Protein backbone atom coordinates (compact mmCIF):
# COMPACT_ATOMS: atom_id res chain seq x y z
CA MET A 1 -19.37 101.83 -5.65
CA LYS A 2 -18.41 98.23 -6.97
CA ILE A 3 -20.56 96.93 -4.63
CA LEU A 4 -23.51 99.03 -5.70
CA ARG A 5 -22.87 98.19 -9.13
CA SER A 6 -22.87 94.68 -8.27
CA LEU A 7 -26.18 94.77 -6.71
CA PHE A 8 -27.65 96.84 -9.50
CA VAL A 9 -26.74 94.27 -12.25
CA ILE A 10 -27.87 91.57 -9.78
CA GLY A 11 -31.07 93.70 -9.50
CA LEU A 12 -31.38 93.45 -13.64
CA ALA A 13 -30.43 90.09 -14.03
CA ALA A 14 -33.38 89.44 -11.56
CA GLY A 15 -35.91 91.68 -12.65
CA SER A 16 -35.04 90.61 -16.40
CA PHE A 17 -36.41 87.07 -15.35
CA TRP A 18 -39.21 87.85 -13.45
CA ALA A 19 -40.37 90.11 -16.45
CA GLN A 20 -39.80 87.21 -18.70
CA SER A 21 -41.65 84.85 -16.28
CA ALA A 22 -45.31 84.77 -18.41
CA GLN A 23 -42.82 82.79 -20.76
CA TYR A 24 -42.14 79.98 -17.83
CA LYS A 25 -44.02 77.85 -15.61
CA ILE A 26 -42.57 74.60 -13.46
CA ALA A 27 -44.30 71.55 -13.44
CA PHE A 28 -44.04 69.04 -10.41
CA ASN A 29 -45.26 66.08 -9.18
CA VAL A 30 -47.67 65.80 -6.41
CA LEU A 31 -48.76 62.73 -4.34
CA GLN A 32 -52.31 62.66 -3.85
CA ASP A 33 -53.12 59.60 -2.55
CA GLN A 34 -50.53 57.71 -0.80
CA LYS A 35 -53.09 54.17 -0.60
CA ALA A 36 -54.09 54.16 -3.74
CA ASP A 37 -50.41 55.11 -5.39
CA ASP A 38 -51.70 58.13 -7.26
CA TYR A 39 -49.43 60.67 -8.37
CA ASP A 40 -50.35 63.30 -10.59
CA VAL A 41 -48.24 66.67 -12.07
CA PHE A 42 -49.05 69.76 -11.24
CA THR A 43 -48.45 73.48 -12.42
CA MET A 44 -47.57 76.58 -10.88
CA ASP A 45 -46.15 80.27 -12.27
CA VAL A 46 -42.54 80.42 -11.17
CA ASP A 47 -43.55 82.91 -8.08
CA GLY A 48 -45.38 79.95 -6.83
CA SER A 49 -49.03 81.05 -7.53
CA ALA A 50 -51.85 79.58 -9.96
CA ILE A 51 -50.73 76.09 -8.49
CA ARG A 52 -53.10 73.16 -11.27
CA ASN A 53 -53.05 69.59 -11.07
CA VAL A 54 -52.87 69.02 -14.69
CA THR A 55 -52.95 65.05 -15.28
CA ASN A 56 -55.68 64.31 -12.57
CA HIS A 57 -55.89 60.71 -13.55
CA LYS A 58 -56.10 57.50 -11.08
CA ASP A 59 -52.81 56.37 -12.08
CA VAL A 60 -48.30 57.10 -11.16
CA ALA A 61 -47.69 60.46 -13.18
CA TRP A 62 -44.50 61.62 -12.64
CA THR A 63 -42.75 64.21 -15.25
CA TYR A 64 -39.15 64.49 -15.44
CA TYR A 65 -38.53 66.76 -18.73
CA SER A 66 -40.40 69.62 -20.73
CA LEU A 67 -40.15 70.61 -24.45
CA PRO A 68 -41.76 74.20 -25.16
CA GLY A 69 -45.59 73.70 -24.94
CA LYS A 70 -45.01 70.16 -23.73
CA LEU A 71 -44.75 68.42 -20.62
CA LEU A 72 -43.37 64.40 -20.96
CA PHE A 73 -44.25 62.48 -18.10
CA VAL A 74 -43.73 58.80 -17.36
CA SER A 75 -47.25 56.88 -16.57
CA ASP A 76 -48.91 53.66 -15.85
CA ARG A 77 -51.90 54.41 -16.67
CA GLY A 78 -53.61 51.39 -19.54
CA ALA A 79 -50.72 49.29 -17.65
CA CYS A 80 -49.77 47.08 -15.16
CA ARG A 81 -49.04 49.10 -11.76
CA ARG A 82 -45.32 50.34 -12.49
CA CYS A 83 -45.11 49.54 -15.71
CA TYR A 84 -43.94 52.95 -17.06
CA PHE A 85 -44.81 54.59 -20.91
CA LEU A 86 -43.27 57.78 -21.89
CA HIS A 87 -46.65 60.20 -22.55
CA GLU A 88 -46.70 63.94 -23.33
CA SER A 89 -49.40 66.60 -23.40
CA ASP A 90 -50.26 69.88 -23.53
CA ILE A 91 -49.10 72.48 -20.69
CA ASP A 92 -52.92 72.28 -19.37
CA GLY A 93 -52.85 68.63 -19.76
CA GLY A 94 -54.52 68.56 -22.88
CA ASN A 95 -53.74 66.39 -26.01
CA VAL A 96 -52.53 63.25 -23.81
CA ARG A 97 -50.74 61.21 -25.97
CA LYS A 98 -48.63 57.72 -25.74
CA VAL A 99 -45.07 58.55 -27.47
CA THR A 100 -43.54 55.12 -28.06
CA ASN A 101 -44.51 51.81 -26.68
CA LEU A 102 -40.88 51.56 -25.34
CA GLN A 103 -41.41 50.56 -21.54
CA LEU A 104 -39.11 53.01 -19.30
CA GLU A 105 -37.95 52.60 -16.45
CA ASP A 106 -38.62 55.36 -13.40
CA SER A 107 -35.84 57.64 -14.93
CA TRP A 108 -35.44 61.58 -16.04
CA MET A 109 -34.47 61.92 -19.37
CA GLY A 110 -33.11 64.29 -22.39
CA SER A 111 -33.50 65.71 -25.88
CA ARG A 112 -31.91 66.64 -28.96
CA ASN A 113 -32.56 67.90 -32.49
CA ASN A 114 -35.30 70.38 -31.05
CA GLY A 115 -36.76 67.54 -29.08
CA ARG A 116 -37.89 65.43 -32.13
CA GLU A 117 -34.94 62.67 -30.38
CA LEU A 118 -35.36 61.91 -27.01
CA VAL A 119 -32.64 59.55 -24.67
CA VAL A 120 -34.16 57.58 -22.06
CA ALA A 121 -33.95 54.94 -19.58
CA GLY A 122 -35.85 51.48 -20.85
CA ARG A 123 -36.20 47.83 -20.96
CA ILE A 124 -36.91 45.36 -23.51
CA ASP A 125 -37.63 42.61 -20.98
CA THR A 126 -37.66 42.30 -17.08
CA ARG A 127 -33.47 40.57 -17.58
CA THR A 128 -32.16 43.54 -19.13
CA ARG A 129 -33.44 46.60 -17.15
CA TYR A 130 -32.05 50.16 -16.97
CA GLN A 131 -30.64 50.31 -20.43
CA LEU A 132 -30.15 53.57 -22.33
CA PHE A 133 -32.56 54.21 -25.66
CA LEU A 134 -32.77 57.07 -28.30
CA VAL A 135 -36.73 57.63 -29.02
CA ASP A 136 -37.75 59.26 -32.39
CA ARG A 137 -40.85 61.46 -30.39
CA GLU A 138 -42.22 61.99 -33.89
CA THR A 139 -43.13 58.16 -34.58
CA GLY A 140 -42.23 56.43 -31.42
CA THR A 141 -39.42 54.32 -33.03
CA TYR A 142 -36.57 53.42 -30.69
CA ARG A 143 -32.95 52.00 -30.80
CA GLN A 144 -31.13 50.61 -28.03
CA LEU A 145 -28.06 52.21 -27.25
CA THR A 146 -26.11 50.00 -24.61
CA ASN A 147 -26.54 46.73 -23.97
CA GLU A 148 -25.30 44.98 -20.46
CA PRO A 149 -27.38 43.16 -18.85
CA GLU A 150 -26.33 43.00 -15.47
CA ALA A 151 -25.49 46.87 -15.08
CA ALA A 152 -27.98 49.70 -14.73
CA PHE A 153 -27.64 53.28 -16.73
CA ARG A 154 -30.30 55.60 -15.71
CA ASP A 155 -31.71 59.28 -15.91
CA PRO A 156 -29.21 60.64 -19.24
CA SER A 157 -29.39 63.73 -20.22
CA PHE A 158 -27.57 65.34 -23.43
CA SER A 159 -25.13 68.00 -24.09
CA PRO A 160 -26.22 71.12 -24.76
CA ASP A 161 -24.83 70.53 -28.63
CA GLY A 162 -25.96 67.16 -28.37
CA LYS A 163 -22.76 65.41 -29.05
CA ARG A 164 -22.96 64.02 -25.47
CA ILE A 165 -24.86 62.46 -22.78
CA VAL A 166 -24.32 62.30 -19.00
CA TYR A 167 -25.93 59.78 -17.15
CA VAL A 168 -25.67 57.58 -14.20
CA TYR A 169 -23.73 54.19 -13.85
CA LYS A 170 -24.18 50.65 -12.11
CA LYS A 171 -21.96 47.72 -13.42
CA LYS A 172 -24.09 45.81 -11.22
CA ARG A 173 -27.86 46.83 -10.36
CA THR A 174 -28.62 44.20 -8.14
CA ASP A 175 -25.20 44.99 -5.91
CA ARG A 176 -26.11 47.45 -3.44
CA ALA A 177 -22.86 48.00 -2.14
CA GLU A 178 -21.81 49.71 -5.24
CA ILE A 179 -21.84 53.19 -4.73
CA GLU A 180 -23.27 54.78 -8.86
CA GLU A 181 -21.26 57.61 -10.63
CA MET A 182 -21.76 60.01 -12.89
CA TYR A 183 -20.24 59.29 -16.30
CA ALA A 184 -20.55 60.50 -19.59
CA MET A 185 -19.82 59.66 -23.52
CA ASN A 186 -20.26 60.28 -27.01
CA SER A 187 -23.76 59.90 -28.58
CA ASP A 188 -23.49 56.76 -30.35
CA GLY A 189 -21.96 55.18 -27.19
CA ALA A 190 -18.34 55.20 -27.81
CA GLY A 191 -15.61 57.68 -25.90
CA ARG A 192 -17.06 56.42 -21.87
CA ARG A 193 -15.54 58.79 -18.80
CA LYS A 194 -16.09 59.12 -15.48
CA LEU A 195 -17.24 62.29 -14.25
CA THR A 196 -17.66 61.96 -10.43
CA ILE A 197 -15.88 60.21 -7.55
CA TYR A 198 -18.26 59.47 -4.13
CA PRO A 199 -15.97 60.31 -1.30
CA ALA A 200 -13.99 57.04 0.09
CA ASN A 201 -14.26 58.21 3.67
CA ASP A 202 -18.12 59.40 4.04
CA PRO A 203 -19.78 57.51 6.54
CA LEU A 204 -22.78 57.51 4.22
CA GLY A 205 -21.07 55.53 1.32
CA LYS A 206 -21.64 52.34 3.92
CA GLU A 207 -25.48 52.63 3.57
CA PRO A 208 -28.26 52.25 0.53
CA SER A 209 -28.73 55.99 0.06
CA TYR A 210 -28.84 58.24 -3.22
CA LYS A 211 -24.80 58.81 -4.02
CA VAL A 212 -25.80 60.57 -7.27
CA GLY A 213 -28.96 61.98 -8.56
CA PRO A 214 -30.24 62.94 -12.19
CA PRO A 215 -27.17 64.98 -14.07
CA GLN A 216 -28.90 68.63 -15.14
CA TRP A 217 -26.87 70.87 -17.36
CA ASN A 218 -25.89 74.19 -16.68
CA ALA A 219 -25.26 75.31 -20.58
CA LYS A 220 -24.58 78.82 -19.76
CA TYR A 221 -21.73 78.29 -17.19
CA ASN A 222 -20.66 74.86 -18.44
CA PHE A 223 -21.34 72.30 -15.35
CA ILE A 224 -23.64 69.59 -14.57
CA THR A 225 -25.27 69.60 -11.48
CA TYR A 226 -26.28 66.26 -9.52
CA GLN A 227 -28.04 65.55 -6.08
CA SER A 228 -25.81 63.25 -3.24
CA ASN A 229 -26.11 62.02 0.18
CA GLN A 230 -22.78 63.26 1.64
CA ALA A 231 -21.63 64.57 5.00
CA GLY A 232 -24.92 64.03 6.49
CA LYS A 233 -26.88 65.09 4.16
CA GLN A 234 -28.61 65.28 1.19
CA SER A 235 -27.24 68.48 -1.11
CA ILE A 236 -26.88 69.48 -4.79
CA TYR A 237 -23.42 69.06 -6.24
CA ALA A 238 -21.61 69.92 -9.43
CA VAL A 239 -18.92 69.14 -11.63
CA THR A 240 -17.53 70.06 -14.76
CA PRO A 241 -17.79 68.44 -18.01
CA ASP A 242 -14.85 66.79 -18.09
CA GLY A 243 -14.29 65.74 -14.62
CA THR A 244 -11.50 67.82 -13.15
CA LYS A 245 -13.37 69.84 -10.32
CA GLN A 246 -16.43 68.67 -8.16
CA TRP A 247 -18.21 71.15 -5.40
CA LYS A 248 -20.79 71.87 -3.38
CA LEU A 249 -23.37 73.79 -4.84
CA THR A 250 -26.50 74.52 -2.13
CA ASP A 251 -25.97 74.82 1.52
CA THR A 252 -29.13 75.18 3.05
CA LYS A 253 -30.13 73.39 6.36
CA LEU A 254 -32.62 71.10 4.99
CA ASP A 255 -32.24 68.41 2.19
CA GLU A 256 -32.24 69.30 -1.17
CA GLY A 257 -33.08 66.78 -4.40
CA TRP A 258 -34.21 66.95 -7.64
CA HIS A 259 -34.04 69.88 -9.52
CA SER A 260 -34.05 71.98 -12.88
CA TRP A 261 -32.10 75.24 -14.45
CA SER A 262 -34.11 77.98 -15.75
CA PRO A 263 -33.48 78.27 -19.36
CA ASP A 264 -31.16 80.92 -18.89
CA GLY A 265 -29.45 79.24 -16.38
CA GLU A 266 -29.60 81.96 -13.63
CA TRP A 267 -32.34 80.10 -11.32
CA LEU A 268 -32.32 76.71 -9.48
CA ALA A 269 -35.52 75.10 -9.11
CA PHE A 270 -35.15 72.31 -6.37
CA ASP A 271 -37.30 70.26 -3.89
CA SER A 272 -36.27 70.46 -0.25
CA ARG A 273 -36.91 67.88 2.57
CA ASP A 274 -37.57 69.16 6.18
CA GLU A 275 -36.49 65.94 8.00
CA SER A 276 -38.77 67.14 11.42
CA THR A 277 -41.69 67.13 9.41
CA GLY A 278 -41.30 64.58 6.03
CA ARG A 279 -42.69 67.24 3.67
CA TYR A 280 -40.61 68.07 0.05
CA GLU A 281 -41.54 71.90 -0.94
CA VAL A 282 -40.00 73.39 -4.07
CA MET A 283 -37.65 75.68 -3.34
CA LEU A 284 -36.17 78.62 -6.41
CA MET A 285 -32.99 79.74 -5.64
CA ASN A 286 -30.87 82.51 -7.36
CA TYR A 287 -27.46 81.08 -8.99
CA LYS A 288 -25.31 84.17 -7.80
CA THR A 289 -26.90 85.77 -4.87
CA ARG A 290 -28.28 82.55 -3.28
CA GLU A 291 -31.67 84.24 -2.92
CA LEU A 292 -34.39 81.52 -1.63
CA LYS A 293 -37.66 81.75 -2.00
CA LYS A 294 -40.36 78.51 -1.04
CA LEU A 295 -42.98 78.31 -3.54
CA THR A 296 -44.96 75.66 -2.40
CA GLY A 297 -46.12 75.30 1.28
CA ALA A 298 -49.88 76.08 1.33
CA SER A 299 -51.84 73.12 0.35
CA ASP A 300 -52.27 70.17 2.93
CA PHE A 301 -49.98 67.19 -0.18
CA LYS A 302 -46.62 66.48 1.65
CA TYR A 303 -44.96 65.85 -1.15
CA HIS A 304 -44.05 68.72 -3.68
CA GLN A 305 -40.77 66.67 -5.69
CA ALA A 306 -38.72 67.60 -9.08
CA PRO A 307 -39.40 70.51 -10.32
CA VAL A 308 -38.88 70.84 -14.08
CA PHE A 309 -39.01 75.19 -16.10
CA VAL A 310 -41.48 74.33 -18.91
CA GLN A 311 -41.55 77.21 -21.79
CA THR A 312 -45.47 77.95 -22.40
CA THR A 313 -45.46 78.60 -25.79
CA ALA A 314 -44.34 76.32 -28.84
CA ASN A 315 -41.34 78.21 -29.91
CA ARG A 316 -38.49 78.86 -28.27
CA PRO A 317 -37.16 81.95 -27.01
């Protein structure tokens, strides 16, 4: 009886999400032409239908974040090759505008104050790269938050209350042997704390592979997820906000990488790599039941990466 009740509750949760699915889309990045270094941002419904190219521009365009009714993406349009600046557009690709003149790194980002303030990884010059900045999304003005010229800060994200920032840190960015770890600090840069510890005996620790991927906060269940190459494959791991507990979250046969949580915290979209074919596909997993569905795969494109949930309306739910 308890089992039937549990299944009924799970079914209600899943049904509730799909009933509201029209409120959301999933954006992801697609390599259009490798020789031309042409990437575009695509969107689709949460069931994998209605796939559409929304940037459709001869440049490198990667989305790593969204706001209600808006896509944010880094792009080298109008700049030198792989010189990234932050742009935003409507979900359908309309009303593109450059957000700030601060040059960005290839990095995920976060926001607070209803999307007014962004935390990003950027640079002032080639000698001081991968520093954290706070950007006013409306005016484009920015303030440097960290200042360690030899270090690298990337993939920052605000805590749900906006008081903390989690990020990936490396003390010396040119040292390929140094293992990056995830840290947290107050939004003013004080109170730094290390959250992750890469297994010292893992054979992949000696290889230059992805040890800590972009932190993604699950506000409902109060943990932070990240991708990491451990135990022979890339998987998604989780850590508590105080760093006292780490665990493996996903366990499929394929590599699991860049990912995003649905607004209700119940669904995880991630890109999955098949080593035998080299293809990246977008997958959707139910957090409670581990139900898994492949959303892409019908196209000839080989790379479908970095899915991001997008709320389709400008008003928050």
